[in-house]
C-alpha atoms as a PDB file:
ATOM      1  CA  MET A   1     145.848 101.095 103.926  1.00  0.00           C
ATOM      2  CA  ILE A   2     144.557 103.404 101.190  1.00  0.00           C
ATOM      3  CA  LEU A   3     141.836 100.877 100.334  1.00  0.00           C
ATOM      4  CA  LEU A   4     140.717 100.812 103.977  1.00  0.00           C
ATOM      5  CA  ARG A   5     140.579 104.592 104.083  1.00  0.00           C
ATOM      6  CA  LYS A   6     138.468 104.711 100.870  1.00  0.00           C
ATOM      7  CA  PHE A   7     136.143 102.028 102.201  1.00  0.00           C
ATOM      8  CA  SER A   8     135.683 103.949 105.456  1.00  0.00           C
ATOM      9  CA  PHE A   9     134.855 107.136 103.553  1.00  0.00           C
ATOM     10  CA  VAL A  10     132.292 105.383 101.360  1.00  0.00           C
ATOM     11  CA  LEU A  11     130.721 103.703 104.409  1.00  0.00           C
ATOM     12  CA  ALA A  12     130.476 107.011 106.271  1.00  0.00           C
ATOM     13  CA  LEU A  13     128.936 108.691 103.229  1.00  0.00           C
ATOM     14  CA  ALA A  14     126.322 105.937 102.861  1.00  0.00           C
ATOM     15  CA  LEU A  15     125.475 106.188 106.554  1.00  0.00           C
ATOM     16  CA  VAL A  16     124.956 109.941 106.334  1.00  0.00           C
ATOM     17  CA  ALA A  17     122.757 109.497 103.253  1.00  0.00           C
ATOM     18  CA  ALA A  18     120.632 106.830 104.937  1.00  0.00           C
ATOM     19  CA  VAL A  19     120.088 108.957 108.058  1.00  0.00           C
ATOM     20  CA  GLY A  20     119.288 111.995 105.987  1.00  0.00           C
ATOM     21  CA  LEU A  21     116.714 110.221 103.843  1.00  0.00           C
ATOM     22  CA  SER A  22     114.974 108.514 106.743  1.00  0.00           C
ATOM     23  CA  ALA A  23     114.411 111.794 108.539  1.00  0.00           C
ATOM     24  CA  CYS A  24     112.241 113.070 105.688  1.00  0.00           C
ATOM     25  CA  SER A  25     109.358 110.642 106.195  1.00  0.00           C
ATOM     26  CA  PRO A  26     106.501 111.791 108.399  1.00  0.00           C
ATOM     27  CA  GLU A  27     105.480 109.633 111.333  1.00  0.00           C
ATOM     28  CA  VAL A  28     102.859 106.991 110.523  1.00  0.00           C
ATOM     29  CA  GLY A  29      99.434 108.195 111.556  1.00  0.00           C
ATOM     30  CA  SER A  30     100.345 111.892 111.587  1.00  0.00           C
ATOM     31  CA  LYS A  31      98.336 114.427 109.607  1.00  0.00           C
ATOM     32  CA  GLU A  32     101.243 114.849 107.173  1.00  0.00           C
ATOM     33  CA  TRP A  33     101.434 111.092 106.660  1.00  0.00           C
ATOM     34  CA  CYS A  34      97.696 110.876 105.945  1.00  0.00           C
ATOM     35  CA  GLU A  35      97.938 113.684 103.390  1.00  0.00           C
ATOM     36  CA  GLU A  36     100.948 112.065 101.734  1.00  0.00           C
ATOM     37  CA  LEU A  37      99.129 108.711 101.481  1.00  0.00           C
ATOM     38  CA  LYS A  38      96.006 110.348 100.031  1.00  0.00           C
ATOM     39  CA  LYS A  39      98.141 111.613  97.138  1.00  0.00           C
ATOM     40  CA  LYS A  40      99.609 108.151  96.529  1.00  0.00           C
ATOM     41  CA  ASP A  41      97.795 105.780  94.154  1.00  0.00           C
ATOM     42  CA  LYS A  42      95.755 103.310  96.228  1.00  0.00           C
ATOM     43  CA  GLY A  43      97.035 100.466  94.065  1.00  0.00           C
ATOM     44  CA  GLN A  44     100.530 101.144  95.396  1.00  0.00           C
ATOM     45  CA  TRP A  45      99.588 101.038  99.080  1.00  0.00           C
ATOM     46  CA  THR A  46     100.910  98.150 101.122  1.00  0.00           C
ATOM     47  CA  ALA A  47      98.588  96.191 103.371  1.00  0.00           C
ATOM     48  CA  ASN A  48     100.135  97.827 106.421  1.00  0.00           C
ATOM     49  CA  GLU A  49      99.690 101.290 104.941  1.00  0.00           C
ATOM     50  CA  ALA A  50      96.005 100.588 104.239  1.00  0.00           C
ATOM     51  CA  LYS A  51      95.456  99.298 107.766  1.00  0.00           C
ATOM     52  CA  ASP A  52      97.262 102.244 109.367  1.00  0.00           C
ATOM     53  CA  PHE A  53      95.414 104.705 107.128  1.00  0.00           C
ATOM     54  CA  ALA A  54      92.056 103.269 108.113  1.00  0.00           C
ATOM     55  CA  LYS A  55      92.995 103.301 111.813  1.00  0.00           C
ATOM     56  CA  SER A  56      94.651 106.732 111.910  1.00  0.00           C
ATOM     57  CA  CYS A  57      93.070 108.829 109.185  1.00  0.00           C
ATOM     58  CA  ILE A  58      89.490 107.622 108.917  1.00  0.00           C
ATOM     59  CA  PHE A  59      88.450 106.646 112.453  1.00  0.00           C
END
């Protein structure tokens, strides 16, 4: 019973951390996202990021 309670606590803590971290990313295509990507080294961009950057930030 104690093991189940500890597991539930750890699971709840991980869920809160995941939700908290995902809320920090700006929406793809937004002005903030474009500025954040401009600061990132272009060699580290994914193919999807490059495509979205060209579509949202250049055109």
